[in-house]
Protein backbone atom coordinates (compact mmCIF):
# COMPACT_ATOMS: atom_id res chain seq x y z
CA MET A 1 69.07 -20.46 -72.75
CA SER A 2 72.22 -22.28 -71.68
CA GLU A 3 73.71 -24.89 -73.95
CA PRO A 4 73.75 -28.48 -72.66
CA ASN A 5 77.17 -29.86 -71.76
CA PRO A 6 78.57 -32.11 -74.47
CA PRO A 7 79.27 -35.67 -73.31
CA THR A 8 82.83 -36.69 -72.60
CA LEU A 9 84.32 -40.03 -73.50
CA PRO A 10 85.82 -42.13 -70.72
CA ASN A 11 89.59 -42.23 -70.78
CA ASN A 12 91.21 -45.64 -70.40
CA GLU A 13 89.52 -47.24 -67.37
CA SER A 14 88.13 -44.17 -65.59
CA PHE A 15 84.67 -45.80 -65.69
CA LEU A 16 85.68 -48.69 -63.41
CA PRO A 17 85.21 -46.91 -60.03
CA GLN A 18 81.64 -46.07 -61.07
CA SER A 19 80.84 -49.67 -62.02
CA THR A 20 78.80 -52.22 -60.09
CA VAL A 21 79.30 -55.96 -60.62
CA LEU A 22 76.76 -58.52 -59.38
CA ILE A 23 78.15 -62.02 -58.71
CA VAL A 24 75.50 -64.76 -58.79
CA ASP A 25 76.30 -68.36 -57.81
CA ASP A 26 74.61 -70.81 -55.46
CA ASN A 27 78.02 -72.03 -54.23
CA ALA A 28 79.43 -69.65 -51.57
CA GLN A 29 83.01 -70.75 -52.32
CA ASN A 30 82.60 -69.79 -55.98
CA VAL A 31 81.23 -66.39 -54.94
CA GLU A 32 84.20 -65.85 -52.60
CA LEU A 33 86.68 -66.85 -55.32
CA LEU A 34 85.14 -64.45 -57.86
CA GLN A 35 85.10 -61.69 -55.24
CA ALA A 36 88.79 -62.32 -54.50
CA PHE A 37 89.64 -62.17 -58.22
CA LEU A 38 87.67 -58.93 -58.72
CA GLU A 39 89.12 -57.17 -55.68
CA ALA A 40 91.95 -56.12 -58.01
CA LEU A 41 89.45 -53.82 -59.79
CA PRO A 42 88.02 -50.62 -58.28
CA VAL A 43 84.39 -51.75 -58.70
CA LYS A 44 81.48 -52.15 -56.30
CA LEU A 45 80.71 -55.84 -55.74
CA VAL A 46 77.24 -57.19 -54.90
CA THR A 47 76.40 -60.88 -54.41
CA ALA A 48 73.37 -63.14 -54.83
CA TYR A 49 73.04 -66.89 -54.28
CA ASP A 50 70.24 -67.84 -56.69
CA GLY A 51 68.32 -66.47 -59.65
CA ILE A 52 65.43 -65.01 -57.67
CA GLU A 53 67.80 -63.12 -55.35
CA ALA A 54 69.76 -61.99 -58.43
CA LEU A 55 66.66 -60.33 -59.91
CA GLU A 56 66.01 -58.57 -56.57
CA LYS A 57 69.62 -57.31 -56.45
CA VAL A 58 69.35 -56.04 -60.03
CA GLN A 59 66.36 -53.91 -58.98
CA GLN A 60 68.21 -52.62 -55.89
CA HIS A 61 71.65 -51.96 -57.37
CA ASN A 62 71.25 -51.61 -61.18
CA PRO A 63 74.57 -53.38 -61.90
CA ASP A 64 76.64 -52.73 -65.01
CA LEU A 65 77.73 -56.37 -65.24
CA ILE A 66 76.46 -59.69 -63.88
CA LEU A 67 78.68 -62.74 -63.44
CA LEU A 68 75.99 -65.40 -63.68
CA ASP A 69 76.21 -69.10 -62.85
CA ILE A 70 73.94 -71.30 -64.97
CA MET A 71 73.04 -74.25 -62.75
CA MET A 72 71.20 -72.81 -59.74
CA PRO A 73 68.12 -73.71 -57.70
CA ARG A 74 64.79 -71.83 -58.04
CA MET A 75 65.79 -70.15 -61.33
CA SER A 76 68.62 -71.07 -63.70
CA GLY A 77 71.09 -68.60 -65.13
CA PHE A 78 69.49 -69.15 -68.53
CA GLN A 79 66.10 -68.04 -67.12
CA VAL A 80 67.61 -65.02 -65.35
CA CYS A 81 69.45 -63.95 -68.51
CA ARG A 82 66.36 -64.35 -70.69
CA LYS A 83 64.25 -62.31 -68.24
CA LEU A 84 66.82 -59.48 -67.95
CA LYS A 85 67.51 -59.27 -71.69
CA GLY A 86 63.77 -59.25 -72.41
CA ASP A 87 63.13 -56.23 -70.17
CA PRO A 88 63.80 -52.75 -71.67
CA GLN A 89 64.93 -51.53 -68.22
CA THR A 90 67.65 -54.21 -67.86
CA LYS A 91 68.47 -55.32 -71.42
CA ASP A 92 71.72 -53.33 -71.55
CA ILE A 93 73.24 -54.90 -68.43
CA GLN A 94 76.22 -56.95 -69.57
CA ILE A 95 75.98 -60.64 -68.61
CA LEU A 96 79.00 -62.93 -68.33
CA MET A 97 77.94 -66.51 -67.73
CA VAL A 98 80.34 -68.40 -65.51
CA THR A 99 79.74 -72.10 -65.84
CA ALA A 100 81.12 -75.60 -65.54
CA LEU A 101 79.03 -76.47 -68.59
CA ASN A 102 81.09 -76.53 -71.75
CA GLU A 103 79.05 -78.62 -74.15
CA LEU A 104 78.29 -76.90 -77.45
CA GLY A 105 74.54 -77.09 -76.73
CA ASP A 106 75.00 -75.21 -73.44
CA ILE A 107 77.03 -72.52 -75.16
CA GLU A 108 74.35 -72.20 -77.85
CA GLN A 109 71.60 -71.97 -75.23
CA ALA A 110 73.55 -69.27 -73.34
CA SER A 111 73.93 -67.32 -76.57
CA GLU A 112 70.25 -67.73 -77.47
CA CYS A 113 69.10 -66.36 -74.12
CA GLY A 114 71.19 -63.23 -74.68
CA THR A 115 74.41 -63.59 -72.70
CA ASP A 116 77.15 -61.18 -73.73
CA ASP A 117 80.00 -63.59 -73.02
CA PHE A 118 80.81 -66.69 -71.03
CA VAL A 119 83.75 -68.19 -69.21
CA SER A 120 84.21 -71.80 -68.09
CA LYS A 121 85.01 -73.06 -64.60
CA PRO A 122 87.58 -73.41 -63.23
CA VAL A 123 87.94 -69.68 -63.84
CA ASN A 124 91.30 -68.26 -64.86
CA LYS A 125 91.87 -64.96 -63.01
CA PHE A 126 93.56 -63.17 -65.93
CA GLU A 127 90.86 -64.25 -68.39
CA LEU A 128 88.10 -63.20 -65.98
CA LEU A 129 89.61 -59.75 -65.32
CA THR A 130 90.16 -59.18 -69.03
CA ARG A 131 86.57 -60.09 -69.92
CA VAL A 132 85.11 -58.09 -67.01
CA LYS A 133 87.03 -54.95 -68.01
CA SER A 134 86.04 -55.42 -71.65
CA LEU A 135 82.33 -55.88 -70.87
CA LEU A 136 82.32 -52.91 -68.49
CA ARG A 137 83.97 -50.81 -71.22
CA VAL A 138 81.21 -51.86 -73.66
CA ARG A 139 78.52 -50.99 -71.10
CA HIS A 140 79.95 -47.55 -70.45
CA LEU A 141 80.61 -46.78 -74.11
CA LYS A 142 76.95 -47.62 -74.82
CA SER A 143 75.94 -45.21 -72.04
CA GLU A 144 78.17 -42.49 -73.49
CA LEU A 145 76.73 -43.08 -76.95
CA GLU A 146 73.19 -42.71 -75.55
CA ARG A 147 74.22 -39.44 -73.85
CA ALA A 148 75.81 -38.16 -77.06
CA LEU A 149 72.69 -38.98 -79.06
CA THR A 150 70.52 -37.24 -76.46
CA TYR A 151 72.81 -34.19 -76.59
CA LEU A 152 72.64 -34.08 -80.40
CA HIS A 153 68.86 -34.36 -80.27
CA GLU A 154 68.70 -31.45 -77.79
CA VAL A 155 70.96 -29.31 -80.00
CA GLU A 156 68.80 -30.11 -83.06
CA GLN A 157 65.65 -29.18 -81.10
CA GLU A 158 67.20 -25.83 -80.04
CA GLU A 159 68.22 -25.06 -83.63
CA GLU A 160 64.72 -25.83 -84.89
CA SER A 161 63.20 -23.43 -82.34
CA PHE A 162 65.13 -20.46 -83.80
C-alpha cells in the first residue's frame, strides 16, 4: 500500500494564483473600481450585481473570498452573508463586507451575520489589497490544515490496520 503524500504548506503568496474572488455590488462603477484595484493580484475575479446573483456565482465558482456590498436590491449583503455562513458547504468562504455604512450598529450587524472583515467606502487600495491577501491566506491555511488532519487520520488508520 502506498503512503499518502503529506500536505505542503504554501510559501509566501503561492496560493494567490489558485484563488477566486467574487465581487458583489449593485453599482457597476464600484465593481469596476474593485476589479481595477485587484488586478494587481494574480487571482481569478468573478462579479455579481445583487445578492441573488451572488449566491448563484458562489455555486458556480466556489470562491475563496467574497467582497460583499451591504445595501443591495433583492437580497442585502447581511442576508447573503448569513445564508453562506449558515451552510456547511460555504461557511469557510471568507467574506469582506465593503460598505458605505459605518455606524456602530451596522458593524455589529455585519459581525453577527458572520463576516470575516469589513472595509468602508471610499475604499483605500492599499488597505483593500492588504485585507484581501490576509483573508485569502487564512482561507488557504484552513484548507491546508484540513488536508493535514485528513492525512494524519489516514496514517492513524493504516497503523491501526497492522
